[in-house]
Protein backbone atom coordinates (compact mmCIF):
# COMPACT_ATOMS: atom_id res chain seq x y z
CA MET A 1 -71.49 40.57 -20.26
CA ARG A 2 -69.25 40.79 -17.51
CA GLY A 3 -68.94 37.11 -17.86
CA THR A 4 -67.89 36.88 -21.18
CA ARG A 5 -65.30 39.43 -20.98
CA TYR A 6 -63.83 37.26 -17.95
CA LEU A 7 -63.88 34.38 -20.62
CA ALA A 8 -62.25 36.16 -23.46
CA ARG A 9 -59.58 37.50 -21.53
CA LEU A 10 -59.11 33.60 -20.13
CA THR A 11 -58.97 32.63 -23.40
CA ARG A 12 -56.84 35.02 -24.59
CA LEU A 13 -54.22 34.64 -21.84
CA VAL A 14 -54.40 30.76 -22.33
CA ARG A 15 -53.59 31.42 -25.99
CA ARG A 16 -50.64 33.64 -25.03
CA PHE A 17 -49.44 31.03 -22.74
CA ALA A 18 -49.70 28.32 -25.37
CA ARG A 19 -47.73 30.45 -27.57
CA THR A 20 -45.09 31.36 -25.21
CA ASN A 21 -41.68 29.24 -24.66
CA ARG A 22 -39.66 31.52 -22.42
CA ALA A 23 -39.97 29.03 -19.51
CA VAL A 24 -39.50 25.73 -21.65
CA ALA A 25 -35.74 25.44 -21.10
CA ALA A 26 -36.11 26.32 -17.37
CA VAL A 27 -38.47 22.81 -17.70
CA GLU A 28 -36.28 20.74 -19.47
CA PHE A 29 -33.52 21.98 -17.29
CA ALA A 30 -35.74 20.78 -14.07
CA LEU A 31 -36.22 17.56 -15.99
CA VAL A 32 -33.05 16.49 -17.13
CA LEU A 33 -30.72 17.77 -14.04
CA PRO A 34 -32.01 14.50 -11.96
CA LEU A 35 -30.92 12.29 -14.90
CA MET A 36 -27.66 14.47 -15.62
CA LEU A 37 -26.53 14.40 -11.62
CA THR A 38 -26.80 10.47 -11.76
CA MET A 39 -24.97 9.72 -14.42
CA TYR A 40 -22.28 11.91 -13.55
CA LEU A 41 -21.88 10.45 -9.69
CA GLY A 42 -22.43 7.21 -11.10
CA SER A 43 -19.43 7.56 -13.37
CA THR A 44 -17.62 9.22 -11.10
CA GLU A 45 -18.02 6.12 -8.58
CA LEU A 46 -17.36 3.46 -11.60
CA SER A 47 -13.89 5.63 -12.73
CA GLN A 48 -12.79 5.32 -9.05
CA LEU A 49 -13.77 1.75 -8.64
CA ILE A 50 -11.93 0.67 -12.22
CA ASN A 51 -8.95 2.72 -11.06
CA ILE A 52 -8.62 1.34 -7.58
CA ASP A 53 -9.29 -2.33 -8.87
CA GLN A 54 -6.41 -1.65 -11.76
CA ARG A 55 -4.05 -0.78 -9.07
CA VAL A 56 -4.35 -3.82 -7.42
CA THR A 57 -3.68 -6.23 -9.90
CA VAL A 58 -0.35 -3.94 -10.67
CA ILE A 59 0.33 -4.47 -7.23
CA ALA A 60 -0.17 -8.32 -7.41
CA GLY A 61 1.80 -8.53 -10.69
CA THR A 62 4.66 -5.92 -9.12
CA ILE A 63 5.01 -7.93 -6.09
CA GLY A 64 5.24 -11.51 -8.01
CA ASP A 65 7.96 -10.16 -10.27
CA LEU A 66 10.07 -8.96 -7.35
CA VAL A 67 9.92 -12.30 -5.61
CA SER A 68 10.63 -14.05 -8.68
CA ARG A 69 13.58 -12.22 -9.25
CA GLU A 70 15.19 -13.56 -6.07
CA LYS A 71 17.93 -15.81 -6.22
CA ASN A 72 18.42 -18.32 -3.53
CA THR A 73 17.44 -16.38 -0.37
CA LEU A 74 14.71 -13.86 0.02
CA PRO A 75 15.16 -11.99 3.19
CA ALA A 76 12.34 -11.06 5.59
CA GLY A 77 13.57 -7.59 5.32
CA ASP A 78 13.26 -7.49 1.39
CA LEU A 79 9.77 -8.87 1.27
CA THR A 80 8.64 -6.21 3.85
CA ASP A 81 10.12 -3.51 1.80
CA PHE A 82 8.17 -5.04 -1.37
CA PHE A 83 5.03 -4.95 0.70
CA GLN A 84 5.44 -1.21 1.88
CA ALA A 85 6.75 -0.04 -1.56
CA ALA A 86 3.54 -1.51 -3.21
CA THR A 87 1.35 0.50 -0.81
CA ALA A 88 2.55 3.40 -3.15
CA ILE A 89 0.89 2.39 -5.98
CA LEU A 90 -2.88 3.18 -4.05
CA ASN A 91 -1.66 6.66 -3.37
CA PRO A 92 -3.79 8.70 -2.87
CA PHE A 93 -6.42 6.10 -1.85
CA PRO A 94 -6.09 4.78 1.60
CA THR A 95 -4.08 1.62 2.16
CA ALA A 96 -5.13 0.37 5.53
CA SER A 97 -7.39 -2.44 4.18
CA LEU A 98 -4.87 -3.68 1.52
CA ASN A 99 -3.25 -7.48 2.04
CA GLN A 100 -0.48 -9.15 -0.05
CA THR A 101 0.32 -12.70 0.05
CA VAL A 102 3.51 -14.36 -1.77
CA THR A 103 3.47 -18.00 -1.79
CA LEU A 104 6.06 -20.36 -3.27
CA LEU A 105 4.78 -23.82 -4.72
CA SER A 106 6.63 -26.75 -5.52
CA ILE A 107 5.75 -28.99 -8.32
CA ASP A 108 6.64 -32.83 -8.80
CA SER A 109 6.83 -34.59 -12.28
CA THR A 110 3.47 -35.99 -11.15
CA GLY A 111 1.43 -32.67 -10.75
CA LYS A 112 1.96 -32.71 -6.91
CA ILE A 113 1.30 -29.12 -5.49
CA THR A 114 3.62 -28.80 -2.38
CA VAL A 115 3.39 -25.05 -0.51
CA LYS A 116 7.51 -24.57 0.58
CA TRP A 117 6.30 -21.44 2.43
CA SER A 118 3.88 -18.41 2.51
CA GLN A 119 4.04 -14.87 3.78
CA GLY A 120 1.71 -12.28 3.63
CA THR A 121 1.61 -8.32 4.98
CA THR A 122 0.21 -9.39 8.37
CA GLY A 123 2.25 -12.62 8.78
CA ALA A 124 -0.63 -14.91 8.13
CA ARG A 125 -2.35 -15.55 5.05
CA THR A 126 -5.16 -13.46 5.15
CA LEU A 127 -6.80 -13.34 1.41
CA PRO A 128 -10.36 -14.39 0.24
CA THR A 129 -8.96 -17.36 -0.69
CA GLY A 130 -9.39 -18.78 2.53
CA ALA A 131 -6.76 -20.91 4.81
CA LEU A 132 -3.34 -21.75 3.75
CA THR A 133 -3.87 -25.03 1.66
CA VAL A 134 -2.84 -26.79 -1.48
CA THR A 135 -6.15 -27.24 -3.04
CA ASN A 136 -6.30 -22.92 -3.09
CA PHE A 137 -3.72 -23.69 -6.11
CA VAL A 138 -4.55 -26.38 -7.50
CA SER A 139 -5.35 -25.81 -11.40
CA PRO A 140 -4.40 -27.26 -14.46
CA ASP A 141 -2.59 -23.88 -15.11
CA ILE A 142 -0.18 -23.77 -12.66
CA VAL A 143 1.21 -27.50 -13.68
CA SER A 144 1.18 -26.38 -17.23
CA LEU A 145 3.19 -23.39 -16.12
CA VAL A 146 6.06 -25.64 -15.14
CA GLU A 147 6.54 -27.80 -17.66
CA GLY A 148 9.84 -26.77 -19.45
CA ALA A 149 10.70 -24.75 -16.92
CA ALA A 150 14.45 -24.65 -15.58
CA ALA A 151 12.93 -25.03 -11.77
CA PRO A 152 9.95 -26.85 -10.86
CA TYR A 153 8.92 -23.63 -8.65
CA VAL A 154 5.92 -21.09 -8.98
CA VAL A 155 5.81 -18.03 -7.14
CA VAL A 156 1.84 -16.99 -6.55
CA SER A 157 1.50 -13.29 -5.69
CA GLU A 158 -2.10 -12.00 -4.34
CA ALA A 159 -3.41 -8.97 -3.61
CA SER A 160 -6.72 -7.73 -2.15
CA TYR A 161 -8.22 -4.47 -1.31
CA THR A 162 -11.51 -3.80 0.72
CA TYR A 163 -13.23 -0.96 -1.66
CA THR A 164 -15.59 1.45 0.26
CA PRO A 165 -18.11 3.40 -1.82
CA LEU A 166 -17.26 6.93 -2.23
CA LEU A 167 -20.59 8.33 -2.03
CA GLY A 168 -22.84 5.45 -1.06
CA LEU A 169 -25.32 5.88 -3.73
CA PHE A 170 -24.59 3.47 -5.86
CA PHE A 171 -22.30 0.78 -4.46
CA THR A 172 -23.94 0.61 -0.73
CA LYS A 173 -21.53 -1.77 0.75
CA PRO A 174 -17.65 -2.11 0.66
CA PHE A 175 -16.58 -4.98 -1.45
CA THR A 176 -13.18 -6.94 -1.96
CA LEU A 177 -11.29 -6.44 -4.84
CA TYR A 178 -8.90 -9.63 -5.58
CA HIS A 179 -6.41 -10.31 -7.83
CA LYS A 180 -3.49 -13.59 -8.33
CA GLY A 181 -0.90 -14.20 -10.45
CA TYR A 182 1.69 -16.92 -11.15
CA TYR A 183 5.76 -16.16 -11.69
CA LEU A 184 8.11 -18.64 -12.76
CA PRO A 185 11.70 -17.76 -10.68
CA ARG A 186 14.34 -16.50 -12.83
CA TYR A 187 17.16 -18.60 -11.48
CA PRO A 188 16.90 -22.30 -11.41
CA ALA A 189 16.25 -22.75 -7.78
CA ILE A 190 14.23 -22.69 -4.89
CA ILE A 191 13.46 -19.28 -3.48
CA CYS A 192 14.27 -19.59 0.24
CA TYR A 193 12.50 -17.65 3.06
CA PRO A 194 13.88 -17.82 6.78
CA THR A 195 10.32 -19.33 7.82
CA SER A 196 11.07 -22.06 5.54
CA PRO A 197 13.60 -24.89 5.34
CA CYS A 198 15.73 -24.32 2.21
CA SER A 199 15.29 -27.76 0.76
């Protein structure tokens, strides 16, 4: 008799539990919260990466454009100022890992490429493409770029940045963002630099 009452009470409790929906929202929230947090943090990390990558592209383009506007001689102080001014584009991100390099190439009528001079933020060329050799710049695009140009010179502007992940949850290791651009000088003459003879 007593067992039957307990069974009936248990049956009523199970039926009432099956009909109630007071905790459904809490359970759904608990199930969805980890997914939503992952999506939110992941999108934050990705948007920051894209933002910095675009800034590195702008830096490479800005430096190349400024150098290509020089007439005859590019003073060392001016190039240093260009490099320093470009770091402002990265604000508010840290700029310690930003490297910039400008190289002037000469291309003769046979398509032979000669490096006239190359200068980076640290004095030497320290970008991911490696040591300064002509093979770093050999490309059909460069040769076609000077066809019909007023002068057979090309300014190559490079920028690299080591991105350190903000949270380290999705991107666990730093990696390098790199961009390079080619620019024709505005004036039909070589752009000289103090480290290289003007010839």
